[in-house]
Structures are given as C-alpha cells and as structure tokens.
Amino acid sequence: MSEPDSKYTAQNLMTVHGLRASAVVQERIAEARQQGDVSGLERWQNVDAAIAELRRTGGGRMSQS
C-alpha cells in the first residue's frame, strides 16, 4: 500500500472511529499477525503510522465515538 493510500485509510478510520481508530488498527494488526498475513500486517502498520502522523500534525478529522 502506498503512503497516500495509507493516509487516506487513516483519515477514513479517524472520521468513522474517532479516538478508537488506533484501537481498530491494532485489532487488524493482531489479526494479520495471527493469520501470518505479512502484506496485511505491513499495510495495517503503515495505516497505524499514518494515524500517528495525522494526530501529530493535526491533519486528521477527529470525531468522538
């Protein structure tokens, strides 16, 4: 997944899940790890990093869920 795709996914998750976005991504990371899905694991780790970056820079749309 490219960086723009990760950022887009991160923004959507933050819009839908608000402060829970990171928790949702951590669940996906755990699932990918458990299933041995290396590409899925990398994808979700990139999304997690994008969420952290958006929060640092104020670039995410945050809603409370």
PDB file of N, CA and C in Angstrom:
ATOM      1  N   MET A   1       0.860  -1.174   0.000  1.00  0.00           N
ATOM      2  CA  MET A   1       0.000   0.000   0.000  1.00  0.00           C
ATOM      3  C   MET A   1       0.898   1.225   0.000  1.00  0.00           C
ATOM      4  N   SER A   2       0.558   2.150  -0.855  1.00  0.00           N
ATOM      5  CA  SER A   2       1.367   3.360  -0.942  1.00  0.00           C
ATOM      6  C   SER A   2       1.060   4.301   0.217  1.00  0.00           C
ATOM      7  N   GLU A   3       1.942   5.257   0.420  1.00  0.00           N
ATOM      8  CA  GLU A   3       1.755   6.219   1.507  1.00  0.00           C
ATOM      9  C   GLU A   3       0.432   6.992   1.374  1.00  0.00           C
ATOM     10  N   PRO A   4       0.084   7.483   0.171  1.00  0.00           N
ATOM     11  CA  PRO A   4      -1.210   8.181   0.057  1.00  0.00           C
ATOM     12  C   PRO A   4      -2.395   7.272   0.396  1.00  0.00           C
ATOM     13  N   ASP A   5      -2.313   5.981   0.014  1.00  0.00           N
ATOM     14  CA  ASP A   5      -3.387   5.050   0.352  1.00  0.00           C
ATOM     15  C   ASP A   5      -3.485   4.852   1.855  1.00  0.00           C
ATOM     16  N   SER A   6      -2.346   4.734   2.529  1.00  0.00           N
ATOM     17  CA  SER A   6      -2.334   4.575   3.983  1.00  0.00           C
ATOM     18  C   SER A   6      -2.921   5.806   4.660  1.00  0.00           C
ATOM     19  N   LYS A   7      -2.565   6.974   4.159  1.00  0.00           N
ATOM     20  CA  LYS A   7      -3.072   8.213   4.737  1.00  0.00           C
ATOM     21  C   LYS A   7      -4.584   8.327   4.531  1.00  0.00           C
ATOM     22  N   TYR A   8      -5.050   7.977   3.346  1.00  0.00           N
ATOM     23  CA  TYR A   8      -6.482   8.023   3.043  1.00  0.00           C
ATOM     24  C   TYR A   8      -7.246   7.068   3.968  1.00  0.00           C
ATOM     25  N   THR A   9      -6.743   5.846   4.114  1.00  0.00           N
ATOM     26  CA  THR A   9      -7.371   4.866   5.003  1.00  0.00           C
ATOM     27  C   THR A   9      -7.363   5.378   6.437  1.00  0.00           C
ATOM     28  N   ALA A  10      -6.252   5.959   6.866  1.00  0.00           N
ATOM     29  CA  ALA A  10      -6.145   6.502   8.222  1.00  0.00           C
ATOM     30  C   ALA A  10      -7.167   7.609   8.444  1.00  0.00           C
ATOM     31  N   GLN A  11      -7.295   8.516   7.473  1.00  0.00           N
ATOM     32  CA  GLN A  11      -8.263   9.611   7.608  1.00  0.00           C
ATOM     33  C   GLN A  11      -9.689   9.073   7.700  1.00  0.00           C
ATOM     34  N   ASN A  12     -10.010   8.076   6.884  1.00  0.00           N
ATOM     35  CA  ASN A  12     -11.344   7.485   6.932  1.00  0.00           C
ATOM     36  C   ASN A  12     -11.611   6.816   8.278  1.00  0.00           C
ATOM     37  N   LEU A  13     -10.637   6.076   8.775  1.00  0.00           N
ATOM     38  CA  LEU A  13     -10.802   5.424  10.077  1.00  0.00           C
ATOM     39  C   LEU A  13     -10.984   6.450  11.191  1.00  0.00           C
ATOM     40  N   MET A  14     -10.233   7.540  11.121  1.00  0.00           N
ATOM     41  CA  MET A  14     -10.356   8.583  12.143  1.00  0.00           C
ATOM     42  C   MET A  14     -11.717   9.261  12.066  1.00  0.00           C
ATOM     43  N   THR A  15     -12.248   9.410  10.866  1.00  0.00           N
ATOM     44  CA  THR A  15     -13.571  10.010  10.703  1.00  0.00           C
ATOM     45  C   THR A  15     -14.648   9.090  11.267  1.00  0.00           C
ATOM     46  N   VAL A  16     -14.549   7.815  10.949  1.00  0.00           N
ATOM     47  CA  VAL A  16     -15.566   6.852  11.370  1.00  0.00           C
ATOM     48  C   VAL A  16     -15.434   6.488  12.847  1.00  0.00           C
ATOM     49  N   HIS A  17     -14.210   6.250  13.313  1.00  0.00           N
ATOM     50  CA  HIS A  17     -13.989   5.706  14.656  1.00  0.00           C
ATOM     51  C   HIS A  17     -13.472   6.728  15.661  1.00  0.00           C
ATOM     52  N   GLY A  18     -13.105   7.903  15.209  1.00  0.00           N
ATOM     53  CA  GLY A  18     -12.612   8.933  16.114  1.00  0.00           C
ATOM     54  C   GLY A  18     -11.401   8.457  16.889  1.00  0.00           C
ATOM     55  N   LEU A  19     -11.451   8.617  18.184  1.00  0.00           N
ATOM     56  CA  LEU A  19     -10.318   8.263  19.037  1.00  0.00           C
ATOM     57  C   LEU A  19     -10.054   6.764  19.083  1.00  0.00           C
ATOM     58  N   ARG A  20     -11.010   5.949  18.638  1.00  0.00           N
ATOM     59  CA  ARG A  20     -10.831   4.496  18.625  1.00  0.00           C
ATOM     60  C   ARG A  20     -10.095   4.005  17.382  1.00  0.00           C
ATOM     61  N   ALA A  21      -9.758   4.898  16.452  1.00  0.00           N
ATOM     62  CA  ALA A  21      -9.134   4.482  15.193  1.00  0.00           C
ATOM     63  C   ALA A  21      -7.878   3.645  15.424  1.00  0.00           C
ATOM     64  N   SER A  22      -7.033   4.070  16.329  1.00  0.00           N
ATOM     65  CA  SER A  22      -5.799   3.308  16.607  1.00  0.00           C
ATOM     66  C   SER A  22      -6.116   1.932  17.168  1.00  0.00           C
ATOM     67  N   ALA A  23      -7.133   1.842  18.017  1.00  0.00           N
ATOM     68  CA  ALA A  23      -7.520   0.548  18.586  1.00  0.00           C
ATOM     69  C   ALA A  23      -8.030  -0.393  17.495  1.00  0.00           C
ATOM     70  N   VAL A  24      -8.794   0.142  16.565  1.00  0.00           N
ATOM     71  CA  VAL A  24      -9.284  -0.658  15.452  1.00  0.00           C
ATOM     72  C   VAL A  24      -8.112  -1.184  14.627  1.00  0.00           C
ATOM     73  N   VAL A  25      -7.155  -0.323  14.351  1.00  0.00           N
ATOM     74  CA  VAL A  25      -5.983  -0.730  13.574  1.00  0.00           C
ATOM     75  C   VAL A  25      -5.164  -1.770  14.344  1.00  0.00           C
ATOM     76  N   GLN A  26      -5.029  -1.603  15.645  1.00  0.00           N
ATOM     77  CA  GLN A  26      -4.287  -2.588  16.438  1.00  0.00           C
ATOM     78  C   GLN A  26      -4.959  -3.961  16.374  1.00  0.00           C
ATOM     79  N   GLU A  27      -6.289  -3.991  16.323  1.00  0.00           N
ATOM     80  CA  GLU A  27      -7.012  -5.259  16.165  1.00  0.00           C
ATOM     81  C   GLU A  27      -6.684  -5.888  14.819  1.00  0.00           C
ATOM     82  N   ARG A  28      -6.637  -5.083  13.775  1.00  0.00           N
ATOM     83  CA  ARG A  28      -6.322  -5.586  12.429  1.00  0.00           C
ATOM     84  C   ARG A  28      -4.878  -6.087  12.376  1.00  0.00           C
ATOM     85  N   ILE A  29      -3.977  -5.396  13.052  1.00  0.00           N
ATOM     86  CA  ILE A  29      -2.582  -5.833  13.107  1.00  0.00           C
ATOM     87  C   ILE A  29      -2.488  -7.197  13.791  1.00  0.00           C
ATOM     88  N   ALA A  30      -3.179  -7.350  14.895  1.00  0.00           N
ATOM     89  CA  ALA A  30      -3.157  -8.622  15.625  1.00  0.00           C
ATOM     90  C   ALA A  30      -3.736  -9.750  14.770  1.00  0.00           C
ATOM     91  N   GLU A  31      -4.820  -9.474  14.051  1.00  0.00           N
ATOM     92  CA  GLU A  31      -5.429 -10.479  13.182  1.00  0.00           C
ATOM     93  C   GLU A  31      -4.471 -10.894  12.073  1.00  0.00           C
ATOM     94  N   ALA A  32      -3.839  -9.912  11.437  1.00  0.00           N
ATOM     95  CA  ALA A  32      -2.899 -10.216  10.358  1.00  0.00           C
ATOM     96  C   ALA A  32      -1.717 -11.026  10.886  1.00  0.00           C
ATOM     97  N   ARG A  33      -1.217 -10.641  12.048  1.00  0.00           N
ATOM     98  CA  ARG A  33      -0.091 -11.364  12.657  1.00  0.00           C
ATOM     99  C   ARG A  33      -0.485 -12.808  12.956  1.00  0.00           C
ATOM    100  N   GLN A  34      -1.682 -12.994  13.527  1.00  0.00           N
ATOM    101  CA  GLN A  34      -2.156 -14.332  13.885  1.00  0.00           C
ATOM    102  C   GLN A  34      -2.335 -15.209  12.637  1.00  0.00           C
ATOM    103  N   GLN A  35      -2.771 -14.604  11.541  1.00  0.00           N
ATOM    104  CA  GLN A  35      -3.001 -15.343  10.301  1.00  0.00           C
ATOM    105  C   GLN A  35      -1.737 -15.498   9.461  1.00  0.00           C
ATOM    106  N   GLY A  36      -0.656 -14.878   9.892  1.00  0.00           N
ATOM    107  CA  GLY A  36       0.586 -14.949   9.136  1.00  0.00           C
ATOM    108  C   GLY A  36       0.533 -14.151   7.842  1.00  0.00           C
ATOM    109  N   ASP A  37      -0.322 -13.141   7.802  1.00  0.00           N
ATOM    110  CA  ASP A  37      -0.514 -12.301   6.619  1.00  0.00           C
ATOM    111  C   ASP A  37       0.494 -11.158   6.652  1.00  0.00           C
ATOM    112  N   VAL A  38       1.642 -11.386   6.036  1.00  0.00           N
ATOM    113  CA  VAL A  38       2.740 -10.424   6.089  1.00  0.00           C
ATOM    114  C   VAL A  38       2.364  -9.123   5.385  1.00  0.00           C
ATOM    115  N   SER A  39       1.750  -9.217   4.210  1.00  0.00           N
ATOM    116  CA  SER A  39       1.387  -7.991   3.484  1.00  0.00           C
ATOM    117  C   SER A  39       0.286  -7.233   4.223  1.00  0.00           C
ATOM    118  N   GLY A  40      -0.672  -7.946   4.806  1.00  0.00           N
ATOM    119  CA  GLY A  40      -1.715  -7.291   5.596  1.00  0.00           C
ATOM    120  C   GLY A  40      -1.139  -6.628   6.834  1.00  0.00           C
ATOM    121  N   LEU A  41      -0.198  -7.291   7.467  1.00  0.00           N
ATOM    122  CA  LEU A  41       0.455  -6.736   8.645  1.00  0.00           C
ATOM    123  C   LEU A  41       1.163  -5.435   8.285  1.00  0.00           C
ATOM    124  N   GLU A  42       1.895  -5.454   7.182  1.00  0.00           N
ATOM    125  CA  GLU A  42       2.609  -4.251   6.746  1.00  0.00           C
ATOM    126  C   GLU A  42       1.621  -3.125   6.423  1.00  0.00           C
ATOM    127  N   ARG A  43       0.533  -3.478   5.753  1.00  0.00           N
ATOM    128  CA  ARG A  43      -0.476  -2.475   5.392  1.00  0.00           C
ATOM    129  C   ARG A  43      -1.021  -1.789   6.643  1.00  0.00           C
ATOM    130  N   TRP A  44      -1.428  -2.578   7.629  1.00  0.00           N
ATOM    131  CA  TRP A  44      -2.034  -2.001   8.827  1.00  0.00           C
ATOM    132  C   TRP A  44      -1.020  -1.250   9.673  1.00  0.00           C
ATOM    133  N   GLN A  45       0.236  -1.693   9.668  1.00  0.00           N
ATOM    134  CA  GLN A  45       1.271  -0.942  10.374  1.00  0.00           C
ATOM    135  C   GLN A  45       1.483   0.419   9.720  1.00  0.00           C
ATOM    136  N   ASN A  46       1.411   0.474   8.399  1.00  0.00           N
ATOM    137  CA  ASN A  46       1.524   1.749   7.691  1.00  0.00           C
ATOM    138  C   ASN A  46       0.351   2.664   8.014  1.00  0.00           C
ATOM    139  N   VAL A  47      -0.848   2.097   8.105  1.00  0.00           N
ATOM    140  CA  VAL A  47      -2.023   2.888   8.461  1.00  0.00           C
ATOM    141  C   VAL A  47      -1.880   3.415   9.887  1.00  0.00           C
ATOM    142  N   ASP A  48      -1.370   2.577  10.792  1.00  0.00           N
ATOM    143  CA  ASP A  48      -1.161   2.999  12.178  1.00  0.00           C
ATOM    144  C   ASP A  48      -0.179   4.165  12.238  1.00  0.00           C
ATOM    145  N   ALA A  49       0.892   4.079  11.464  1.00  0.00           N
ATOM    146  CA  ALA A  49       1.870   5.172  11.418  1.00  0.00           C
ATOM    147  C   ALA A  49       1.240   6.437  10.837  1.00  0.00           C
ATOM    148  N   ALA A  50       0.376   6.276   9.839  1.00  0.00           N
ATOM    149  CA  ALA A  50      -0.292   7.434   9.237  1.00  0.00           C
ATOM    150  C   ALA A  50      -1.235   8.102  10.239  1.00  0.00           C
ATOM    151  N   ILE A  51      -1.932   7.305  11.051  1.00  0.00           N
ATOM    152  CA  ILE A  51      -2.803   7.873  12.085  1.00  0.00           C
ATOM    153  C   ILE A  51      -1.971   8.681  13.072  1.00  0.00           C
ATOM    154  N   ALA A  52      -0.865   8.113  13.505  1.00  0.00           N
ATOM    155  CA  ALA A  52       0.006   8.822  14.455  1.00  0.00           C
ATOM    156  C   ALA A  52       0.495  10.134  13.858  1.00  0.00           C
ATOM    157  N   GLU A  53       0.878  10.107  12.586  1.00  0.00           N
ATOM    158  CA  GLU A  53       1.360  11.318  11.923  1.00  0.00           C
ATOM    159  C   GLU A  53       0.245  12.357  11.798  1.00  0.00           C
ATOM    160  N   LEU A  54      -0.932  11.929  11.416  1.00  0.00           N
ATOM    161  CA  LEU A  54      -2.059  12.856  11.287  1.00  0.00           C
ATOM    162  C   LEU A  54      -2.408  13.484  12.637  1.00  0.00           C
ATOM    163  N   ARG A  55      -2.325  12.711  13.682  1.00  0.00           N
ATOM    164  CA  ARG A  55      -2.606  13.264  15.015  1.00  0.00           C
ATOM    165  C   ARG A  55      -1.539  14.257  15.438  1.00  0.00           C
ATOM    166  N   ARG A  56      -0.287  13.960  15.110  1.00  0.00           N
ATOM    167  CA  ARG A  56       0.813  14.870  15.447  1.00  0.00           C
ATOM    168  C   ARG A  56       0.674  16.193  14.725  1.00  0.00           C
ATOM    169  N   THR A  57       0.272  16.116  13.455  1.00  0.00           N
ATOM    170  CA  THR A  57       0.224  17.317  12.635  1.00  0.00           C
ATOM    171  C   THR A  57      -1.146  17.972  12.597  1.00  0.00           C
ATOM    172  N   GLY A  58      -2.119  17.344  13.239  1.00  0.00           N
ATOM    173  CA  GLY A  58      -3.474  17.897  13.227  1.00  0.00           C
ATOM    174  C   GLY A  58      -4.166  17.714  11.898  1.00  0.00           C
ATOM    175  N   GLY A  59      -3.709  16.771  11.083  1.00  0.00           N
ATOM    176  CA  GLY A  59      -4.270  16.573   9.763  1.00  0.00           C
ATOM    177  C   GLY A  59      -5.468  15.643   9.694  1.00  0.00           C
ATOM    178  N   GLY A  60      -5.853  15.037  10.805  1.00  0.00           N
ATOM    179  CA  GLY A  60      -6.984  14.122  10.775  1.00  0.00           C
ATOM    180  C   GLY A  60      -8.257  14.791  11.243  1.00  0.00           C
ATOM    181  N   ARG A  61      -9.345  14.351  10.650  1.00  0.00           N
ATOM    182  CA  ARG A  61     -10.650  14.837  11.111  1.00  0.00           C
ATOM    183  C   ARG A  61     -11.063  13.948  12.274  1.00  0.00           C
ATOM    184  N   MET A  62     -11.186  14.533  13.444  1.00  0.00           N
ATOM    185  CA  MET A  62     -11.458  13.753  14.642  1.00  0.00           C
ATOM    186  C   MET A  62     -12.908  13.920  15.062  1.00  0.00           C
ATOM    187  N   SER A  63     -13.560  12.779  15.283  1.00  0.00           N
ATOM    188  CA  SER A  63     -14.884  12.804  15.878  1.00  0.00           C
ATOM    189  C   SER A  63     -14.857  11.886  17.077  1.00  0.00           C
ATOM    190  N   GLN A  64     -15.627  12.171  18.048  1.00  0.00           N
ATOM    191  CA  GLN A  64     -15.666  11.349  19.254  1.00  0.00           C
ATOM    192  C   GLN A  64     -16.611  10.189  19.026  1.00  0.00           C
ATOM    193  N   SER A  65     -16.147   8.958  19.233  1.00  0.00           N
ATOM    194  CA  SER A  65     -17.002   7.776  19.108  1.00  0.00           C
ATOM    195  C   SER A  65     -16.930   6.967  20.369  1.00  0.00           C
TER     196      SER A  65
END
